[in-house]
């Protein structure tokens, strides 16, 4: 299946985040760019996946993504920043 996703942060566009969004009913996820999609258009993120059935792909999914960890030079420790919740909108392009 080819699935389009909107509102996915640029720094999280990878297969592992997509697996979290789609859940356990989808596997073999690959990040793709359709040939008719302009190279500078980053509004939608496309993946291909094997899914049990198209009904298992939600229209919307709320995902919590923690911010990257940063090194605190004053305390010499790693500080974990809070994360943000994103409302991801999905659409089934082809199956």
PDB file of N, CA and C in Angstrom:
ATOM      1  N   UNK A   1       0.833  -1.169   0.000  1.00  0.00           N
ATOM      2  CA  UNK A   1       0.000   0.000   0.000  1.00  0.00           C
ATOM      3  C   UNK A   1       0.884   1.241   0.000  1.00  0.00           C
ATOM      4  N   UNK A   2       0.413   2.279  -0.620  1.00  0.00           N
ATOM      5  CA  UNK A   2       1.077   3.575  -0.586  1.00  0.00           C
ATOM      6  C   UNK A   2       0.238   4.481   0.306  1.00  0.00           C
ATOM      7  N   UNK A   3       0.859   5.014   1.363  1.00  0.00           N
ATOM      8  CA  UNK A   3       0.160   5.830   2.346  1.00  0.00           C
ATOM      9  C   UNK A   3       0.807   7.205   2.390  1.00  0.00           C
ATOM     10  N   UNK A   4      -0.007   8.244   2.347  1.00  0.00           N
ATOM     11  CA  UNK A   4       0.471   9.611   2.488  1.00  0.00           C
ATOM     12  C   UNK A   4       0.183  10.112   3.886  1.00  0.00           C
ATOM     13  N   UNK A   5       1.147  10.819   4.482  1.00  0.00           N
ATOM     14  CA  UNK A   5       0.987  11.346   5.833  1.00  0.00           C
ATOM     15  C   UNK A   5       1.278  12.836   5.832  1.00  0.00           C
ATOM     16  N   UNK A   6       0.432  13.581   6.494  1.00  0.00           N
ATOM     17  CA  UNK A   6       0.630  15.023   6.650  1.00  0.00           C
ATOM     18  C   UNK A   6       0.898  15.329   8.110  1.00  0.00           C
ATOM     19  N   UNK A   7       1.625  16.427   8.330  1.00  0.00           N
ATOM     20  CA  UNK A   7       1.948  16.946   9.655  1.00  0.00           C
ATOM     21  C   UNK A   7       2.963  16.078  10.407  1.00  0.00           C
ATOM     22  N   UNK A   8       3.762  15.330   9.693  1.00  0.00           N
ATOM     23  CA  UNK A   8       4.838  14.570  10.318  1.00  0.00           C
ATOM     24  C   UNK A   8       6.064  15.484  10.366  1.00  0.00           C
ATOM     25  N   UNK A   9       6.662  15.700  11.554  1.00  0.00           N
ATOM     26  CA  UNK A   9       7.844  16.566  11.626  1.00  0.00           C
ATOM     27  C   UNK A   9       8.978  16.041  10.749  1.00  0.00           C
ATOM     28  N   UNK A  10       9.727  16.935  10.155  1.00  0.00           N
ATOM     29  CA  UNK A  10      10.786  16.540   9.224  1.00  0.00           C
ATOM     30  C   UNK A  10      11.845  15.660   9.875  1.00  0.00           C
ATOM     31  N   UNK A  11      12.189  15.921  11.135  1.00  0.00           N
ATOM     32  CA  UNK A  11      13.259  15.156  11.769  1.00  0.00           C
ATOM     33  C   UNK A  11      12.822  13.758  12.207  1.00  0.00           C
ATOM     34  N   UNK A  12      11.541  13.417  12.029  1.00  0.00           N
ATOM     35  CA  UNK A  12      11.069  12.090  12.417  1.00  0.00           C
ATOM     36  C   UNK A  12      10.571  11.275  11.230  1.00  0.00           C
ATOM     37  N   UNK A  13      10.853  11.710  10.048  1.00  0.00           N
ATOM     38  CA  UNK A  13      10.358  10.980   8.872  1.00  0.00           C
ATOM     39  C   UNK A  13      11.274   9.801   8.576  1.00  0.00           C
ATOM     40  N   UNK A  14      10.975   8.682   9.219  1.00  0.00           N
ATOM     41  CA  UNK A  14      11.728   7.450   9.018  1.00  0.00           C
ATOM     42  C   UNK A  14      10.802   6.262   9.239  1.00  0.00           C
ATOM     43  N   UNK A  15      11.323   5.074   8.988  1.00  0.00           N
ATOM     44  CA  UNK A  15      10.496   3.868   9.063  1.00  0.00           C
ATOM     45  C   UNK A  15      10.077   3.540  10.489  1.00  0.00           C
ATOM     46  N   UNK A  16      10.923   3.801  11.480  1.00  0.00           N
ATOM     47  CA  UNK A  16      10.562   3.437  12.853  1.00  0.00           C
ATOM     48  C   UNK A  16       9.424   4.303  13.391  1.00  0.00           C
ATOM     49  N   UNK A  17       9.432   5.600  13.091  1.00  0.00           N
ATOM     50  CA  UNK A  17       8.327   6.457  13.512  1.00  0.00           C
ATOM     51  C   UNK A  17       7.055   6.079  12.786  1.00  0.00           C
ATOM     52  N   UNK A  18       7.170   5.747  11.517  1.00  0.00           N
ATOM     53  CA  UNK A  18       6.009   5.338  10.740  1.00  0.00           C
ATOM     54  C   UNK A  18       5.417   4.046  11.279  1.00  0.00           C
ATOM     55  N   UNK A  19       6.263   3.128  11.724  1.00  0.00           N
ATOM     56  CA  UNK A  19       5.772   1.892  12.329  1.00  0.00           C
ATOM     57  C   UNK A  19       4.962   2.200  13.583  1.00  0.00           C
ATOM     58  N   UNK A  20       5.398   3.168  14.363  1.00  0.00           N
ATOM     59  CA  UNK A  20       4.660   3.579  15.559  1.00  0.00           C
ATOM     60  C   UNK A  20       3.316   4.180  15.183  1.00  0.00           C
ATOM     61  N   UNK A  21       3.278   4.970  14.129  1.00  0.00           N
ATOM     62  CA  UNK A  21       2.035   5.607  13.697  1.00  0.00           C
ATOM     63  C   UNK A  21       1.044   4.575  13.169  1.00  0.00           C
ATOM     64  N   UNK A  22       1.513   3.655  12.337  1.00  0.00           N
ATOM     65  CA  UNK A  22       0.618   2.679  11.717  1.00  0.00           C
ATOM     66  C   UNK A  22       0.243   1.525  12.640  1.00  0.00           C
ATOM     67  N   UNK A  23       1.102   1.209  13.583  1.00  0.00           N
ATOM     68  CA  UNK A  23       0.797   0.143  14.529  1.00  0.00           C
ATOM     69  C   UNK A  23       1.251  -1.224  14.053  1.00  0.00           C
ATOM     70  N   UNK A  24       0.886  -2.254  14.808  1.00  0.00           N
ATOM     71  CA  UNK A  24       1.387  -3.608  14.532  1.00  0.00           C
ATOM     72  C   UNK A  24       0.734  -4.304  13.344  1.00  0.00           C
ATOM     73  N   UNK A  25      -0.284  -3.715  12.740  1.00  0.00           N
ATOM     74  CA  UNK A  25      -0.942  -4.374  11.610  1.00  0.00           C
ATOM     75  C   UNK A  25      -0.229  -4.137  10.290  1.00  0.00           C
ATOM     76  N   UNK A  26       0.817  -3.302  10.286  1.00  0.00           N
ATOM     77  CA  UNK A  26       1.579  -3.021   9.070  1.00  0.00           C
ATOM     78  C   UNK A  26       3.042  -3.416   9.270  1.00  0.00           C
ATOM     79  N   UNK A  27       3.671  -3.867   8.200  1.00  0.00           N
ATOM     80  CA  UNK A  27       5.069  -4.285   8.259  1.00  0.00           C
ATOM     81  C   UNK A  27       5.752  -3.942   6.948  1.00  0.00           C
ATOM     82  N   UNK A  28       7.055  -4.172   6.895  1.00  0.00           N
ATOM     83  CA  UNK A  28       7.853  -3.954   5.686  1.00  0.00           C
ATOM     84  C   UNK A  28       7.671  -2.530   5.155  1.00  0.00           C
ATOM     85  N   UNK A  29       7.949  -1.550   6.011  1.00  0.00           N
ATOM     86  CA  UNK A  29       7.726  -0.144   5.696  1.00  0.00           C
ATOM     87  C   UNK A  29       8.956   0.448   5.019  1.00  0.00           C
ATOM     88  N   UNK A  30       8.732   1.153   3.913  1.00  0.00           N
ATOM     89  CA  UNK A  30       9.795   1.843   3.179  1.00  0.00           C
ATOM     90  C   UNK A  30       9.357   3.280   2.900  1.00  0.00           C
ATOM     91  N   UNK A  31      10.288   4.210   3.061  1.00  0.00           N
ATOM     92  CA  UNK A  31      10.030   5.616   2.741  1.00  0.00           C
ATOM     93  C   UNK A  31      10.231   5.795   1.245  1.00  0.00           C
ATOM     94  N   UNK A  32       9.269   6.411   0.572  1.00  0.00           N
ATOM     95  CA  UNK A  32       9.337   6.604  -0.887  1.00  0.00           C
ATOM     96  C   UNK A  32       8.952   8.031  -1.237  1.00  0.00           C
ATOM     97  N   UNK A  33       9.264   8.414  -2.456  1.00  0.00           N
ATOM     98  CA  UNK A  33       8.807   9.694  -3.009  1.00  0.00           C
ATOM     99  C   UNK A  33       8.199   9.382  -4.370  1.00  0.00           C
ATOM    100  N   UNK A  34       6.892   9.600  -4.521  1.00  0.00           N
ATOM    101  CA  UNK A  34       6.255   9.350  -5.818  1.00  0.00           C
ATOM    102  C   UNK A  34       6.897  10.181  -6.920  1.00  0.00           C
ATOM    103  N   UNK A  35       6.905   9.659  -8.121  1.00  0.00           N
ATOM    104  CA  UNK A  35       7.571  10.329  -9.239  1.00  0.00           C
ATOM    105  C   UNK A  35       6.898  11.638  -9.628  1.00  0.00           C
ATOM    106  N   UNK A  36       5.596  11.767  -9.386  1.00  0.00           N
ATOM    107  CA  UNK A  36       4.911  13.002  -9.759  1.00  0.00           C
ATOM    108  C   UNK A  36       4.895  14.038  -8.632  1.00  0.00           C
ATOM    109  N   UNK A  37       5.566  13.766  -7.527  1.00  0.00           N
ATOM    110  CA  UNK A  37       5.633  14.687  -6.392  1.00  0.00           C
ATOM    111  C   UNK A  37       6.867  15.572  -6.542  1.00  0.00           C
ATOM    112  N   UNK A  38       6.730  16.910  -6.536  1.00  0.00           N
ATOM    113  CA  UNK A  38       7.895  17.796  -6.685  1.00  0.00           C
ATOM    114  C   UNK A  38       8.908  17.578  -5.559  1.00  0.00           C
ATOM    115  N   UNK A  39      10.182  17.727  -5.866  1.00  0.00           N
ATOM    116  CA  UNK A  39      11.248  17.466  -4.891  1.00  0.00           C
ATOM    117  C   UNK A  39      11.216  18.445  -3.729  1.00  0.00           C
ATOM    118  N   UNK A  40      10.754  19.669  -3.941  1.00  0.00           N
ATOM    119  CA  UNK A  40      10.752  20.657  -2.870  1.00  0.00           C
ATOM    120  C   UNK A  40       9.438  20.698  -2.085  1.00  0.00           C
ATOM    121  N   UNK A  41       8.520  19.806  -2.374  1.00  0.00           N
ATOM    122  CA  UNK A  41       7.232  19.755  -1.680  1.00  0.00           C
ATOM    123  C   UNK A  41       7.334  18.776  -0.512  1.00  0.00           C
ATOM    124  N   UNK A  42       7.375  19.304   0.709  1.00  0.00           N
ATOM    125  CA  UNK A  42       7.496  18.435   1.881  1.00  0.00           C
ATOM    126  C   UNK A  42       6.227  18.443   2.731  1.00  0.00           C
ATOM    127  N   UNK A  43       5.108  18.815   2.134  1.00  0.00           N
ATOM    128  CA  UNK A  43       3.857  18.836   2.886  1.00  0.00           C
ATOM    129  C   UNK A  43       3.379  17.440   3.235  1.00  0.00           C
ATOM    130  N   UNK A  44       3.667  16.481   2.377  1.00  0.00           N
ATOM    131  CA  UNK A  44       3.192  15.125   2.610  1.00  0.00           C
ATOM    132  C   UNK A  44       4.361  14.154   2.538  1.00  0.00           C
ATOM    133  N   UNK A  45       4.323  13.168   3.393  1.00  0.00           N
ATOM    134  CA  UNK A  45       5.364  12.163   3.546  1.00  0.00           C
ATOM    135  C   UNK A  45       4.762  10.839   3.095  1.00  0.00           C
ATOM    136  N   UNK A  46       5.440  10.122   2.179  1.00  0.00           N
ATOM    137  CA  UNK A  46       4.884   8.901   1.614  1.00  0.00           C
ATOM    138  C   UNK A  46       5.688   7.686   2.049  1.00  0.00           C
ATOM    139  N   UNK A  47       4.969   6.607   2.312  1.00  0.00           N
ATOM    140  CA  UNK A  47       5.605   5.332   2.645  1.00  0.00           C
ATOM    141  C   UNK A  47       4.857   4.217   1.915  1.00  0.00           C
ATOM    142  N   UNK A  48       5.557   3.123   1.708  1.00  0.00           N
ATOM    143  CA  UNK A  48       4.905   1.905   1.252  1.00  0.00           C
ATOM    144  C   UNK A  48       4.974   0.910   2.395  1.00  0.00           C
ATOM    145  N   UNK A  49       3.931   0.117   2.539  1.00  0.00           N
ATOM    146  CA  UNK A  49       3.875  -0.850   3.634  1.00  0.00           C
ATOM    147  C   UNK A  49       2.995  -2.021   3.234  1.00  0.00           C
ATOM    148  N   UNK A  50       3.276  -3.146   3.843  1.00  0.00           N
ATOM    149  CA  UNK A  50       2.400  -4.294   3.723  1.00  0.00           C
ATOM    150  C   UNK A  50       1.477  -4.254   4.926  1.00  0.00           C
ATOM    151  N   UNK A  51       0.162  -4.226   4.682  1.00  0.00           N
ATOM    152  CA  UNK A  51      -0.811  -4.161   5.770  1.00  0.00           C
ATOM    153  C   UNK A  51      -1.809  -5.302   5.630  1.00  0.00           C
ATOM    154  N   UNK A  52      -2.347  -5.708   6.766  1.00  0.00           N
ATOM    155  CA  UNK A  52      -3.308  -6.803   6.761  1.00  0.00           C
ATOM    156  C   UNK A  52      -4.550  -6.453   5.957  1.00  0.00           C
ATOM    157  N   UNK A  53      -5.034  -5.223   6.102  1.00  0.00           N
ATOM    158  CA  UNK A  53      -6.219  -4.776   5.383  1.00  0.00           C
ATOM    159  C   UNK A  53      -6.244  -3.244   5.401  1.00  0.00           C
ATOM    160  N   UNK A  54      -6.767  -2.598   4.364  1.00  0.00           N
ATOM    161  CA  UNK A  54      -6.821  -1.132   4.351  1.00  0.00           C
ATOM    162  C   UNK A  54      -7.635  -0.541   5.503  1.00  0.00           C
ATOM    163  N   UNK A  55      -8.558  -1.293   6.056  1.00  0.00           N
ATOM    164  CA  UNK A  55      -9.363  -0.777   7.162  1.00  0.00           C
ATOM    165  C   UNK A  55      -8.527  -0.505   8.409  1.00  0.00           C
ATOM    166  N   UNK A  56      -7.355  -1.133   8.513  1.00  0.00           N
ATOM    167  CA  UNK A  56      -6.522  -0.964   9.694  1.00  0.00           C
ATOM    168  C   UNK A  56      -5.690   0.328   9.659  1.00  0.00           C
ATOM    169  N   UNK A  57      -5.723   1.059   8.564  1.00  0.00           N
ATOM    170  CA  UNK A  57      -4.997   2.325   8.484  1.00  0.00           C
ATOM    171  C   UNK A  57      -5.940   3.426   8.940  1.00  0.00           C
ATOM    172  N   UNK A  58      -5.605   4.095  10.060  1.00  0.00           N
ATOM    173  CA  UNK A  58      -6.509   5.131  10.583  1.00  0.00           C
ATOM    174  C   UNK A  58      -6.456   6.403   9.734  1.00  0.00           C
ATOM    175  N   UNK A  59      -7.479   7.229   9.854  1.00  0.00           N
ATOM    176  CA  UNK A  59      -7.494   8.522   9.177  1.00  0.00           C
ATOM    177  C   UNK A  59      -6.635   9.541   9.919  1.00  0.00           C
ATOM    178  N   UNK A  60      -6.610   9.426  11.248  1.00  0.00           N
ATOM    179  CA  UNK A  60      -5.825  10.319  12.094  1.00  0.00           C
ATOM    180  C   UNK A  60      -5.167   9.503  13.201  1.00  0.00           C
ATOM    181  N   UNK A  61      -4.039   9.986  13.654  1.00  0.00           N
ATOM    182  CA  UNK A  61      -3.337   9.329  14.752  1.00  0.00           C
ATOM    183  C   UNK A  61      -2.587  10.400  15.537  1.00  0.00           C
ATOM    184  N   UNK A  62      -2.732  10.394  16.851  1.00  0.00           N
ATOM    185  CA  UNK A  62      -1.985  11.319  17.698  1.00  0.00           C
ATOM    186  C   UNK A  62      -0.727  10.598  18.161  1.00  0.00           C
ATOM    187  N   UNK A  63       0.419  11.247  17.960  1.00  0.00           N
ATOM    188  CA  UNK A  63       1.704  10.640  18.279  1.00  0.00           C
ATOM    189  C   UNK A  63       2.492  11.588  19.181  1.00  0.00           C
ATOM    190  N   UNK A  64       3.082  11.047  20.247  1.00  0.00           N
ATOM    191  CA  UNK A  64       3.956  11.814  21.118  1.00  0.00           C
ATOM    192  C   UNK A  64       5.387  11.554  20.678  1.00  0.00           C
ATOM    193  N   UNK A  65       6.116  12.624  20.354  1.00  0.00           N
ATOM    194  CA  UNK A  65       7.505  12.500  19.915  1.00  0.00           C
ATOM    195  C   UNK A  65       8.373  13.298  20.872  1.00  0.00           C
ATOM    196  N   UNK A  66       9.254  12.613  21.630  1.00  0.00           N
ATOM    197  CA  UNK A  66      10.127  13.351  22.541  1.00  0.00           C
ATOM    198  C   UNK A  66      11.173  14.145  21.768  1.00  0.00           C
ATOM    199  N   UNK A  67      11.537  15.274  22.313  1.00  0.00           N
ATOM    200  CA  UNK A  67      12.572  16.093  21.704  1.00  0.00           C
ATOM    201  C   UNK A  67      13.923  15.404  21.871  1.00  0.00           C
ATOM    202  N   UNK A  68      14.878  15.692  21.004  1.00  0.00           N
ATOM    203  CA  UNK A  68      16.197  15.064  21.116  1.00  0.00           C
ATOM    204  C   UNK A  68      16.874  15.438  22.440  1.00  0.00           C
ATOM    205  N   UNK A  69      17.715  14.538  22.936  1.00  0.00           N
ATOM    206  CA  UNK A  69      18.456  14.795  24.176  1.00  0.00           C
ATOM    207  C   UNK A  69      19.631  15.715  23.876  1.00  0.00           C
ATOM    208  N   UNK A  70      19.894  16.635  24.792  1.00  0.00           N
ATOM    209  CA  UNK A  70      21.006  17.563  24.611  1.00  0.00           C
ATOM    210  C   UNK A  70      21.964  17.447  25.794  1.00  0.00           C
ATOM    211  N   UNK A  71      23.206  17.777  25.574  1.00  0.00           N
ATOM    212  CA  UNK A  71      24.218  17.741  26.626  1.00  0.00           C
ATOM    213  C   UNK A  71      24.215  19.069  27.371  1.00  0.00           C
ATOM    214  N   UNK A  72      24.105  19.011  28.688  1.00  0.00           N
ATOM    215  CA  UNK A  72      24.115  20.200  29.528  1.00  0.00           C
ATOM    216  C   UNK A  72      25.539  20.400  30.032  1.00  0.00           C
ATOM    217  N   UNK A  73      26.285  21.394  29.518  1.00  0.00           N
ATOM    218  CA  UNK A  73      27.686  21.556  29.916  1.00  0.00           C
ATOM    219  C   UNK A  73      27.860  22.003  31.371  1.00  0.00           C
ATOM    220  N   UNK A  74      26.873  22.644  31.945  1.00  0.00           N
ATOM    221  CA  UNK A  74      26.985  23.120  33.322  1.00  0.00           C
ATOM    222  C   UNK A  74      26.919  21.954  34.306  1.00  0.00           C
ATOM    223  N   UNK A  75      25.962  21.071  34.131  1.00  0.00           N
ATOM    224  CA  UNK A  75      25.799  19.946  35.044  1.00  0.00           C
ATOM    225  C   UNK A  75      26.488  18.684  34.546  1.00  0.00           C
ATOM    226  N   UNK A  76      27.044  18.702  33.353  1.00  0.00           N
ATOM    227  CA  UNK A  76      27.723  17.554  32.737  1.00  0.00           C
ATOM    228  C   UNK A  76      26.819  16.324  32.678  1.00  0.00           C
ATOM    229  N   UNK A  77      25.576  16.535  32.356  1.00  0.00           N
ATOM    230  CA  UNK A  77      24.628  15.438  32.216  1.00  0.00           C
ATOM    231  C   UNK A  77      23.834  15.629  30.934  1.00  0.00           C
ATOM    232  N   UNK A  78      23.122  14.587  30.572  1.00  0.00           N
ATOM    233  CA  UNK A  78      22.207  14.699  29.441  1.00  0.00           C
ATOM    234  C   UNK A  78      20.846  15.119  29.963  1.00  0.00           C
ATOM    235  N   UNK A  79      20.285  16.115  29.332  1.00  0.00           N
ATOM    236  CA  UNK A  79      18.984  16.616  29.733  1.00  0.00           C
ATOM    237  C   UNK A  79      17.981  16.197  28.668  1.00  0.00           C
ATOM    238  N   UNK A  80      16.902  15.605  29.105  1.00  0.00           N
ATOM    239  CA  UNK A  80      15.872  15.213  28.164  1.00  0.00           C
ATOM    240  C   UNK A  80      14.796  16.293  28.145  1.00  0.00           C
ATOM    241  N   UNK A  81      14.576  16.848  26.979  1.00  0.00           N
ATOM    242  CA  UNK A  81      13.569  17.878  26.831  1.00  0.00           C
ATOM    243  C   UNK A  81      12.200  17.228  26.701  1.00  0.00           C
ATOM    244  N   UNK A  82      11.167  17.942  27.067  1.00  0.00           N
ATOM    245  CA  UNK A  82       9.827  17.371  26.896  1.00  0.00           C
ATOM    246  C   UNK A  82       9.508  17.192  25.419  1.00  0.00           C
ATOM    247  N   UNK A  83       8.524  16.404  25.154  1.00  0.00           N
ATOM    248  CA  UNK A  83       8.140  16.145  23.777  1.00  0.00           C
ATOM    249  C   UNK A  83       6.886  16.897  23.385  1.00  0.00           C
ATOM    250  N   UNK A  84       6.472  16.670  22.177  1.00  0.00           N
ATOM    251  CA  UNK A  84       5.273  17.302  21.639  1.00  0.00           C
ATOM    252  C   UNK A  84       4.345  16.240  21.076  1.00  0.00           C
ATOM    253  N   UNK A  85       3.051  16.530  21.113  1.00  0.00           N
ATOM    254  CA  UNK A  85       2.056  15.653  20.502  1.00  0.00           C
ATOM    255  C   UNK A  85       1.717  16.211  19.120  1.00  0.00           C
ATOM    256  N   UNK A  86       1.638  15.333  18.156  1.00  0.00           N
ATOM    257  CA  UNK A  86       1.322  15.723  16.780  1.00  0.00           C
ATOM    258  C   UNK A  86       0.094  14.952  16.318  1.00  0.00           C
ATOM    259  N   UNK A  87      -0.810  15.645  15.654  1.00  0.00           N
ATOM    260  CA  UNK A  87      -1.955  15.003  15.030  1.00  0.00           C
ATOM    261  C   UNK A  87      -1.567  14.703  13.591  1.00  0.00           C
ATOM    262  N   UNK A  88      -1.321  13.441  13.299  1.00  0.00           N
ATOM    263  CA  UNK A  88      -0.903  13.000  11.973  1.00  0.00           C
ATOM    264  C   UNK A  88      -2.146  12.610  11.180  1.00  0.00           C
ATOM    265  N   UNK A  89      -2.267  13.133   9.997  1.00  0.00           N
ATOM    266  CA  UNK A  89      -3.376  12.769   9.109  1.00  0.00           C
ATOM    267  C   UNK A  89      -2.853  11.819   8.040  1.00  0.00           C
ATOM    268  N   UNK A  90      -3.545  10.706   7.879  1.00  0.00           N
ATOM    269  CA  UNK A  90      -3.124   9.675   6.927  1.00  0.00           C
ATOM    270  C   UNK A  90      -4.161   9.531   5.817  1.00  0.00           C
ATOM    271  N   UNK A  91      -3.665   9.161   4.654  1.00  0.00           N
ATOM    272  CA  UNK A  91      -4.572   8.849   3.547  1.00  0.00           C
ATOM    273  C   UNK A  91      -3.991   7.696   2.752  1.00  0.00           C
ATOM    274  N   UNK A  92      -4.856   6.814   2.363  1.00  0.00           N
ATOM    275  CA  UNK A  92      -4.465   5.668   1.562  1.00  0.00           C
ATOM    276  C   UNK A  92      -4.464   6.101   0.093  1.00  0.00           C
ATOM    277  N   UNK A  93      -3.286   6.081  -0.531  1.00  0.00           N
ATOM    278  CA  UNK A  93      -3.170   6.533  -1.919  1.00  0.00           C
ATOM    279  C   UNK A  93      -3.506   5.384  -2.856  1.00  0.00           C
ATOM    280  N   UNK A  94      -2.827   4.264  -2.710  1.00  0.00           N
ATOM    281  CA  UNK A  94      -3.099   3.074  -3.526  1.00  0.00           C
ATOM    282  C   UNK A  94      -2.908   1.828  -2.689  1.00  0.00           C
ATOM    283  N   UNK A  95      -3.575   0.766  -3.117  1.00  0.00           N
ATOM    284  CA  UNK A  95      -3.351  -0.540  -2.482  1.00  0.00           C
ATOM    285  C   UNK A  95      -3.542  -1.641  -3.485  1.00  0.00           C
TER     286      UNK A  95
END
